[in-house]
Amino acid sequence: MGDFITEFQNNMLGDLTIAGYASGMIMALVGAILMLRINAKKRDISSESTPYKFSWSFLVQDNLQRLITGFLLTYAAFRFAPQILQNDFSMFTAFLTGACFDQVAKLISKLQLKARE
């Protein structure tokens, strides 16, 4: 049973430790929240669907699906970074992943739409 757990952990985490993933996820979250906050500055304050005064709780609730998608993309990016980027994982890579997850999600959805045509 110990061999199974070790092999499973290697398959799911690659060379990274759980501590590496956890710290990377926090750094990616910082990048994601920073980009959400920057983009929130561009919101239409006269729109009925957004509050006039900035609200962190509204920002998170309004973007929860994007954050969950970003979390999953971040995990995949961390796991496959050595193969895709030919580079080791770093906290800077984690931050950039979090900051750019929205653009990556848009790119993937465009590829899916083109594949269905």
C-alpha atoms as a PDB file:
ATOM      1  CA  MET A   1       0.000   0.000   0.000  1.00  0.00           C
ATOM      2  CA  GLY A   2       2.920   2.347   0.744  1.00  0.00           C
ATOM      3  CA  ASP A   3       4.244   1.896  -2.811  1.00  0.00           C
ATOM      4  CA  PHE A   4       0.829   2.808  -4.229  1.00  0.00           C
ATOM      5  CA  ILE A   5       0.651   6.021  -2.176  1.00  0.00           C
ATOM      6  CA  THR A   6       4.199   7.009  -3.115  1.00  0.00           C
ATOM      7  CA  GLU A   7       3.580   6.361  -6.821  1.00  0.00           C
ATOM      8  CA  PHE A   8       0.222   8.162  -6.707  1.00  0.00           C
ATOM      9  CA  GLN A   9       1.802  11.178  -5.006  1.00  0.00           C
ATOM     10  CA  ASN A  10       4.592  11.236  -7.618  1.00  0.00           C
ATOM     11  CA  ASN A  11       2.070  11.061 -10.461  1.00  0.00           C
ATOM     12  CA  MET A  12      -0.100  13.838  -9.032  1.00  0.00           C
ATOM     13  CA  LEU A  13       2.600  16.185  -7.757  1.00  0.00           C
ATOM     14  CA  GLY A  14       5.603  15.455  -9.960  1.00  0.00           C
ATOM     15  CA  ASP A  15       8.820  16.732  -8.402  1.00  0.00           C
ATOM     16  CA  LEU A  16       7.098  19.330  -6.213  1.00  0.00           C
ATOM     17  CA  THR A  17       6.359  18.772  -2.561  1.00  0.00           C
ATOM     18  CA  ILE A  18       3.005  19.510  -0.960  1.00  0.00           C
ATOM     19  CA  ALA A  19       4.623  22.552   0.692  1.00  0.00           C
ATOM     20  CA  GLY A  20       5.794  23.714  -2.743  1.00  0.00           C
ATOM     21  CA  TYR A  21       2.275  23.435  -4.133  1.00  0.00           C
ATOM     22  CA  ALA A  22       0.740  25.202  -1.134  1.00  0.00           C
ATOM     23  CA  SER A  23       3.146  28.128  -1.266  1.00  0.00           C
ATOM     24  CA  GLY A  24       2.823  28.305  -5.046  1.00  0.00           C
ATOM     25  CA  MET A  25      -0.969  28.352  -4.803  1.00  0.00           C
ATOM     26  CA  ILE A  26      -0.836  31.223  -2.325  1.00  0.00           C
ATOM     27  CA  MET A  27       1.494  33.152  -4.621  1.00  0.00           C
ATOM     28  CA  ALA A  28      -0.803  32.428  -7.597  1.00  0.00           C
ATOM     29  CA  LEU A  29      -3.793  33.592  -5.533  1.00  0.00           C
ATOM     30  CA  VAL A  30      -1.981  36.867  -4.848  1.00  0.00           C
ATOM     31  CA  GLY A  31      -1.450  37.310  -8.604  1.00  0.00           C
ATOM     32  CA  ALA A  32      -5.072  36.436  -9.412  1.00  0.00           C
ATOM     33  CA  ILE A  33      -6.545  38.768  -6.800  1.00  0.00           C
ATOM     34  CA  LEU A  34      -4.214  41.552  -7.880  1.00  0.00           C
ATOM     35  CA  MET A  35      -5.372  41.230 -11.503  1.00  0.00           C
ATOM     36  CA  LEU A  36      -9.044  41.052 -10.466  1.00  0.00           C
ATOM     37  CA  ARG A  37      -8.588  44.214  -8.406  1.00  0.00           C
ATOM     38  CA  ILE A  38      -6.854  46.024 -11.275  1.00  0.00           C
ATOM     39  CA  ASN A  39      -9.609  44.984 -13.695  1.00  0.00           C
ATOM     40  CA  ALA A  40     -12.283  46.037 -11.186  1.00  0.00           C
ATOM     41  CA  LYS A  41     -11.030  49.608 -11.530  1.00  0.00           C
ATOM     42  CA  LYS A  42     -12.345  49.521 -15.127  1.00  0.00           C
ATOM     43  CA  ARG A  43     -15.878  48.519 -14.104  1.00  0.00           C
ATOM     44  CA  ASP A  44     -18.916  50.559 -15.045  1.00  0.00           C
ATOM     45  CA  ILE A  45     -20.017  52.080 -11.739  1.00  0.00           C
ATOM     46  CA  SER A  46     -23.310  53.196 -13.274  1.00  0.00           C
ATOM     47  CA  SER A  47     -24.298  49.590 -14.095  1.00  0.00           C
ATOM     48  CA  GLU A  48     -27.141  48.111 -12.050  1.00  0.00           C
ATOM     49  CA  SER A  49     -25.300  44.792 -11.745  1.00  0.00           C
ATOM     50  CA  THR A  50     -22.303  46.243  -9.895  1.00  0.00           C
ATOM     51  CA  PRO A  51     -22.180  48.187  -6.642  1.00  0.00           C
ATOM     52  CA  TYR A  52     -21.280  51.865  -6.788  1.00  0.00           C
ATOM     53  CA  LYS A  53     -18.756  51.495  -3.972  1.00  0.00           C
ATOM     54  CA  PHE A  54     -16.057  48.819  -4.360  1.00  0.00           C
ATOM     55  CA  SER A  55     -16.791  45.621  -2.423  1.00  0.00           C
ATOM     56  CA  TRP A  56     -14.352  42.726  -1.940  1.00  0.00           C
ATOM     57  CA  SER A  57     -17.187  40.299  -1.216  1.00  0.00           C
ATOM     58  CA  PHE A  58     -18.945  41.264  -4.454  1.00  0.00           C
ATOM     59  CA  LEU A  59     -15.657  40.922  -6.366  1.00  0.00           C
ATOM     60  CA  VAL A  60     -15.110  37.382  -5.070  1.00  0.00           C
ATOM     61  CA  GLN A  61     -18.745  36.292  -5.517  1.00  0.00           C
ATOM     62  CA  ASP A  62     -18.890  37.749  -9.020  1.00  0.00           C
ATOM     63  CA  ASN A  63     -15.668  35.991 -10.049  1.00  0.00           C
ATOM     64  CA  LEU A  64     -15.951  32.716  -8.130  1.00  0.00           C
ATOM     65  CA  GLN A  65     -16.199  30.533 -11.243  1.00  0.00           C
ATOM     66  CA  ARG A  66     -13.181  32.276 -12.757  1.00  0.00           C
ATOM     67  CA  LEU A  67     -11.223  31.760  -9.527  1.00  0.00           C
ATOM     68  CA  ILE A  68     -12.092  28.044  -9.386  1.00  0.00           C
ATOM     69  CA  THR A  69     -11.144  27.600 -13.037  1.00  0.00           C
ATOM     70  CA  GLY A  70      -7.945  29.497 -12.345  1.00  0.00           C
ATOM     71  CA  PHE A  71      -7.200  27.247  -9.365  1.00  0.00           C
ATOM     72  CA  LEU A  72      -7.493  24.142 -11.544  1.00  0.00           C
ATOM     73  CA  LEU A  73      -5.407  25.682 -14.322  1.00  0.00           C
ATOM     74  CA  THR A  74      -2.811  26.699 -11.763  1.00  0.00           C
ATOM     75  CA  TYR A  75      -2.557  23.135 -10.465  1.00  0.00           C
ATOM     76  CA  ALA A  76      -2.092  21.854 -14.027  1.00  0.00           C
ATOM     77  CA  ALA A  77       0.487  24.546 -14.770  1.00  0.00           C
ATOM     78  CA  PHE A  78       2.476  23.668 -11.644  1.00  0.00           C
ATOM     79  CA  ARG A  79       2.309  19.950 -12.355  1.00  0.00           C
ATOM     80  CA  PHE A  80       3.374  20.210 -15.979  1.00  0.00           C
ATOM     81  CA  ALA A  81       5.642  23.284 -15.806  1.00  0.00           C
ATOM     82  CA  PRO A  82       8.871  21.280 -16.128  1.00  0.00           C
ATOM     83  CA  GLN A  83       7.610  19.516 -19.269  1.00  0.00           C
ATOM     84  CA  ILE A  84       5.901  22.514 -20.880  1.00  0.00           C
ATOM     85  CA  LEU A  85       8.301  25.319 -19.980  1.00  0.00           C
ATOM     86  CA  GLN A  86      11.489  23.275 -19.833  1.00  0.00           C
ATOM     87  CA  ASN A  87      12.083  25.208 -16.633  1.00  0.00           C
ATOM     88  CA  ASP A  88      11.886  24.529 -12.915  1.00  0.00           C
ATOM     89  CA  PHE A  89       8.959  25.719 -10.847  1.00  0.00           C
ATOM     90  CA  SER A  90       9.465  29.019  -9.024  1.00  0.00           C
ATOM     91  CA  MET A  91       7.410  31.425  -6.956  1.00  0.00           C
ATOM     92  CA  PHE A  92       7.660  33.940  -9.812  1.00  0.00           C
ATOM     93  CA  THR A  93       6.146  31.346 -12.166  1.00  0.00           C
ATOM     94  CA  ALA A  94       3.390  30.794  -9.600  1.00  0.00           C
ATOM     95  CA  PHE A  95       2.657  34.524  -9.376  1.00  0.00           C
ATOM     96  CA  LEU A  96       2.564  34.906 -13.180  1.00  0.00           C
ATOM     97  CA  THR A  97       0.303  31.868 -13.486  1.00  0.00           C
ATOM     98  CA  GLY A  98      -2.176  33.415 -11.077  1.00  0.00           C
ATOM     99  CA  ALA A  99      -1.978  36.791 -12.791  1.00  0.00           C
ATOM    100  CA  CYS A 100      -2.491  35.307 -16.264  1.00  0.00           C
ATOM    101  CA  PHE A 101      -4.945  32.476 -15.559  1.00  0.00           C
ATOM    102  CA  ASP A 102      -7.824  34.436 -17.086  1.00  0.00           C
ATOM    103  CA  GLN A 103      -6.023  34.798 -20.408  1.00  0.00           C
ATOM    104  CA  VAL A 104      -5.105  31.097 -20.388  1.00  0.00           C
ATOM    105  CA  ALA A 105      -8.749  30.143 -19.736  1.00  0.00           C
ATOM    106  CA  LYS A 106      -9.869  32.328 -22.651  1.00  0.00           C
ATOM    107  CA  LEU A 107      -7.269  30.712 -24.918  1.00  0.00           C
ATOM    108  CA  ILE A 108      -8.399  27.203 -23.949  1.00  0.00           C
ATOM    109  CA  SER A 109     -12.065  28.052 -24.526  1.00  0.00           C
ATOM    110  CA  LYS A 110     -11.222  29.473 -27.970  1.00  0.00           C
ATOM    111  CA  LEU A 111      -9.353  26.264 -28.834  1.00  0.00           C
ATOM    112  CA  GLN A 112     -12.368  24.192 -27.720  1.00  0.00           C
ATOM    113  CA  LEU A 113     -14.727  26.270 -29.859  1.00  0.00           C
ATOM    114  CA  LYS A 114     -12.484  25.912 -32.916  1.00  0.00           C
ATOM    115  CA  ALA A 115     -12.238  22.155 -32.343  1.00  0.00           C
ATOM    116  CA  ARG A 116     -16.037  21.879 -32.460  1.00  0.00           C
ATOM    117  CA  GLU A 117     -16.359  23.683 -35.780  1.00  0.00           C
END
